[in-house]
């Protein structure tokens, strides 16, 4: 959704962060893998193997603008919600990323609220579709 705001280098780093968020709750849902595959496609980056880098570097320097930082947070929240729920360990992982990005607590909370509302709208849309013959 927001990957177009990121450079190719930022996209690769974001994908590392996304994998870390998915791993945070020690539970792998098929929806998370499907979301990750779509992100790799959207980012124009080939799917990586288990030996891919697991760190993204200095996030504050790499994501040097407020727009890129918020884009990363929103995308990570969407990744965390891929299985329909936001696990506390995923929130901790995203909060850690926000701290490394030097995003203040208010922006972080607003991003979490946006993610919750986005998820509610997705569920509403799915129920609308289910009601149509």
C-alpha atoms as a PDB file:
ATOM      1  CA  UNK A   1       0.000   0.000   0.000  1.00  0.00           C
ATOM      2  CA  UNK A   2       2.809   2.415   0.891  1.00  0.00           C
ATOM      3  CA  UNK A   3       5.847   0.667  -0.587  1.00  0.00           C
ATOM      4  CA  UNK A   4       5.844   3.065  -3.538  1.00  0.00           C
ATOM      5  CA  UNK A   5       7.018   5.738  -1.066  1.00  0.00           C
ATOM      6  CA  UNK A   6      10.230   3.786  -0.423  1.00  0.00           C
ATOM      7  CA  UNK A   7      13.444   3.466  -2.419  1.00  0.00           C
ATOM      8  CA  UNK A   8      14.612  -0.008  -3.514  1.00  0.00           C
ATOM      9  CA  UNK A   9      17.121  -0.097  -0.628  1.00  0.00           C
ATOM     10  CA  UNK A  10      14.402   0.922   1.834  1.00  0.00           C
ATOM     11  CA  UNK A  11      12.070  -1.732   0.426  1.00  0.00           C
ATOM     12  CA  UNK A  12      14.644  -4.464   1.002  1.00  0.00           C
ATOM     13  CA  UNK A  13      15.165  -3.272   4.584  1.00  0.00           C
ATOM     14  CA  UNK A  14      11.399  -3.088   5.103  1.00  0.00           C
ATOM     15  CA  UNK A  15      11.046  -6.718   4.007  1.00  0.00           C
ATOM     16  CA  UNK A  16      13.586  -7.740   6.650  1.00  0.00           C
ATOM     17  CA  UNK A  17      11.533  -5.853   9.232  1.00  0.00           C
ATOM     18  CA  UNK A  18       8.331  -7.485   7.974  1.00  0.00           C
ATOM     19  CA  UNK A  19       9.841 -10.949   8.393  1.00  0.00           C
ATOM     20  CA  UNK A  20      10.867 -10.022  11.942  1.00  0.00           C
ATOM     21  CA  UNK A  21       7.322  -8.868  12.780  1.00  0.00           C
ATOM     22  CA  UNK A  22       5.858 -12.071  11.372  1.00  0.00           C
ATOM     23  CA  UNK A  23       8.283 -14.098  13.509  1.00  0.00           C
ATOM     24  CA  UNK A  24       7.598 -12.070  16.675  1.00  0.00           C
ATOM     25  CA  UNK A  25       4.672 -14.144  17.949  1.00  0.00           C
ATOM     26  CA  UNK A  26       6.386 -17.470  17.119  1.00  0.00           C
ATOM     27  CA  UNK A  27       3.284 -18.435  15.165  1.00  0.00           C
ATOM     28  CA  UNK A  28       3.293 -18.540  11.391  1.00  0.00           C
ATOM     29  CA  UNK A  29      -0.069 -18.095   9.685  1.00  0.00           C
ATOM     30  CA  UNK A  30      -0.568 -18.796   5.988  1.00  0.00           C
ATOM     31  CA  UNK A  31      -2.097 -15.327   5.608  1.00  0.00           C
ATOM     32  CA  UNK A  32       1.157 -13.796   6.834  1.00  0.00           C
ATOM     33  CA  UNK A  33       3.161 -15.715   4.252  1.00  0.00           C
ATOM     34  CA  UNK A  34       0.711 -14.728   1.526  1.00  0.00           C
ATOM     35  CA  UNK A  35       0.951 -11.070   2.574  1.00  0.00           C
ATOM     36  CA  UNK A  36       4.743 -11.279   2.594  1.00  0.00           C
ATOM     37  CA  UNK A  37       4.771 -12.823  -0.900  1.00  0.00           C
ATOM     38  CA  UNK A  38       2.569  -9.971  -2.161  1.00  0.00           C
ATOM     39  CA  UNK A  39       4.923  -7.439  -0.577  1.00  0.00           C
ATOM     40  CA  UNK A  40       7.942  -8.991  -2.285  1.00  0.00           C
ATOM     41  CA  UNK A  41       6.072  -8.781  -5.592  1.00  0.00           C
ATOM     42  CA  UNK A  42       4.932  -5.204  -4.968  1.00  0.00           C
ATOM     43  CA  UNK A  43       8.461  -4.211  -3.944  1.00  0.00           C
ATOM     44  CA  UNK A  44       9.906  -5.739  -7.103  1.00  0.00           C
ATOM     45  CA  UNK A  45      12.269  -7.860  -5.031  1.00  0.00           C
ATOM     46  CA  UNK A  46      12.664 -11.598  -5.519  1.00  0.00           C
ATOM     47  CA  UNK A  47      11.536 -13.747  -2.596  1.00  0.00           C
ATOM     48  CA  UNK A  48      14.449 -14.430  -0.279  1.00  0.00           C
ATOM     49  CA  UNK A  49      15.589 -17.672   1.260  1.00  0.00           C
ATOM     50  CA  UNK A  50      16.104 -18.484   4.924  1.00  0.00           C
ATOM     51  CA  UNK A  51      19.701 -17.293   4.584  1.00  0.00           C
ATOM     52  CA  UNK A  52      18.583 -13.731   3.727  1.00  0.00           C
ATOM     53  CA  UNK A  53      19.799 -10.913   6.000  1.00  0.00           C
ATOM     54  CA  UNK A  54      17.917 -10.632   9.283  1.00  0.00           C
ATOM     55  CA  UNK A  55      18.906  -7.073  10.160  1.00  0.00           C
ATOM     56  CA  UNK A  56      18.022  -3.865   8.372  1.00  0.00           C
ATOM     57  CA  UNK A  57      20.808  -1.529   9.497  1.00  0.00           C
ATOM     58  CA  UNK A  58      20.459   1.967  10.996  1.00  0.00           C
ATOM     59  CA  UNK A  59      16.764   2.611  10.469  1.00  0.00           C
ATOM     60  CA  UNK A  60      16.848   6.284  11.420  1.00  0.00           C
ATOM     61  CA  UNK A  61      19.423   6.987   8.707  1.00  0.00           C
ATOM     62  CA  UNK A  62      17.979   4.634   6.090  1.00  0.00           C
ATOM     63  CA  UNK A  63      14.444   5.988   6.481  1.00  0.00           C
ATOM     64  CA  UNK A  64      15.413   9.643   6.617  1.00  0.00           C
ATOM     65  CA  UNK A  65      12.015  11.278   6.148  1.00  0.00           C
ATOM     66  CA  UNK A  66       8.887  11.328   8.241  1.00  0.00           C
ATOM     67  CA  UNK A  67       6.915   9.998   5.299  1.00  0.00           C
ATOM     68  CA  UNK A  68       9.167   6.947   4.862  1.00  0.00           C
ATOM     69  CA  UNK A  69       9.098   6.231   8.589  1.00  0.00           C
ATOM     70  CA  UNK A  70       5.314   6.352   8.783  1.00  0.00           C
ATOM     71  CA  UNK A  71       5.056   4.269   5.589  1.00  0.00           C
ATOM     72  CA  UNK A  72       7.187   1.573   7.232  1.00  0.00           C
ATOM     73  CA  UNK A  73       5.100   1.581  10.406  1.00  0.00           C
ATOM     74  CA  UNK A  74       1.788   1.393   8.551  1.00  0.00           C
ATOM     75  CA  UNK A  75       3.009  -1.427   6.324  1.00  0.00           C
ATOM     76  CA  UNK A  76       4.327  -3.358   9.331  1.00  0.00           C
ATOM     77  CA  UNK A  77       0.974  -2.981  11.061  1.00  0.00           C
ATOM     78  CA  UNK A  78      -0.752  -4.338   7.958  1.00  0.00           C
ATOM     79  CA  UNK A  79       1.648  -7.287   7.986  1.00  0.00           C
ATOM     80  CA  UNK A  80       0.885  -7.946  11.647  1.00  0.00           C
ATOM     81  CA  UNK A  81      -2.858  -7.881  10.949  1.00  0.00           C
ATOM     82  CA  UNK A  82      -2.532 -10.300   7.999  1.00  0.00           C
ATOM     83  CA  UNK A  83      -3.899 -13.152  10.123  1.00  0.00           C
ATOM     84  CA  UNK A  84      -6.777 -10.995  11.372  1.00  0.00           C
ATOM     85  CA  UNK A  85      -5.347 -10.083  14.752  1.00  0.00           C
ATOM     86  CA  UNK A  86      -2.552  -8.033  16.249  1.00  0.00           C
ATOM     87  CA  UNK A  87      -0.542 -10.115  18.723  1.00  0.00           C
ATOM     88  CA  UNK A  88       1.119  -8.252  21.651  1.00  0.00           C
ATOM     89  CA  UNK A  89       4.531  -9.607  20.571  1.00  0.00           C
ATOM     90  CA  UNK A  90       3.965  -8.125  17.103  1.00  0.00           C
ATOM     91  CA  UNK A  91       3.115  -4.777  18.708  1.00  0.00           C
ATOM     92  CA  UNK A  92       6.349  -4.997  20.725  1.00  0.00           C
ATOM     93  CA  UNK A  93       8.312  -5.718  17.549  1.00  0.00           C
ATOM     94  CA  UNK A  94       6.750  -2.776  15.697  1.00  0.00           C
ATOM     95  CA  UNK A  95       7.222  -0.519  18.735  1.00  0.00           C
ATOM     96  CA  UNK A  96      10.930  -1.429  18.679  1.00  0.00           C
ATOM     97  CA  UNK A  97      11.124  -0.484  15.009  1.00  0.00           C
ATOM     98  CA  UNK A  98       9.360   2.813  15.790  1.00  0.00           C
ATOM     99  CA  UNK A  99      11.907   3.530  18.519  1.00  0.00           C
ATOM    100  CA  UNK A 100      14.774   2.828  16.118  1.00  0.00           C
ATOM    101  CA  UNK A 101      13.120   5.115  13.582  1.00  0.00           C
ATOM    102  CA  UNK A 102      12.837   7.729  16.342  1.00  0.00           C
ATOM    103  CA  UNK A 103       9.092   8.020  15.833  1.00  0.00           C
ATOM    104  CA  UNK A 104       7.405   9.575  18.841  1.00  0.00           C
ATOM    105  CA  UNK A 105       4.822   7.707  20.897  1.00  0.00           C
ATOM    106  CA  UNK A 106       1.906   9.806  19.628  1.00  0.00           C
ATOM    107  CA  UNK A 107       2.631   8.998  15.985  1.00  0.00           C
ATOM    108  CA  UNK A 108       3.070   5.338  16.896  1.00  0.00           C
ATOM    109  CA  UNK A 109      -0.288   5.226  18.692  1.00  0.00           C
ATOM    110  CA  UNK A 110      -1.974   6.984  15.761  1.00  0.00           C
ATOM    111  CA  UNK A 111      -0.492   4.386  13.396  1.00  0.00           C
ATOM    112  CA  UNK A 112      -1.797   1.554  15.603  1.00  0.00           C
ATOM    113  CA  UNK A 113      -5.240   3.178  15.651  1.00  0.00           C
ATOM    114  CA  UNK A 114      -5.171   3.508  11.860  1.00  0.00           C
ATOM    115  CA  UNK A 115      -4.286  -0.180  11.586  1.00  0.00           C
ATOM    116  CA  UNK A 116      -7.171  -1.172  13.875  1.00  0.00           C
ATOM    117  CA  UNK A 117      -9.636   0.920  11.858  1.00  0.00           C
ATOM    118  CA  UNK A 118      -8.246  -0.460   8.590  1.00  0.00           C
ATOM    119  CA  UNK A 119      -8.716  -4.016   9.866  1.00  0.00           C
ATOM    120  CA  UNK A 120     -12.289  -3.239  10.929  1.00  0.00           C
ATOM    121  CA  UNK A 121     -13.047  -1.878   7.451  1.00  0.00           C
ATOM    122  CA  UNK A 122     -11.566  -4.976   5.817  1.00  0.00           C
ATOM    123  CA  UNK A 123     -13.761  -7.206   7.981  1.00  0.00           C
ATOM    124  CA  UNK A 124     -16.793  -5.061   7.159  1.00  0.00           C
ATOM    125  CA  UNK A 125     -16.036  -5.321   3.442  1.00  0.00           C
ATOM    126  CA  UNK A 126     -15.704  -9.094   3.708  1.00  0.00           C
ATOM    127  CA  UNK A 127     -19.067  -9.369   5.459  1.00  0.00           C
ATOM    128  CA  UNK A 128     -20.679  -7.182   2.789  1.00  0.00           C
ATOM    129  CA  UNK A 129     -19.313  -9.493   0.111  1.00  0.00           C
ATOM    130  CA  UNK A 130     -20.541 -12.551   1.962  1.00  0.00           C
ATOM    131  CA  UNK A 131     -24.075 -11.147   1.972  1.00  0.00           C
ATOM    132  CA  UNK A 132     -24.249 -10.761  -1.813  1.00  0.00           C
ATOM    133  CA  UNK A 133     -25.528 -13.732  -3.795  1.00  0.00           C
END
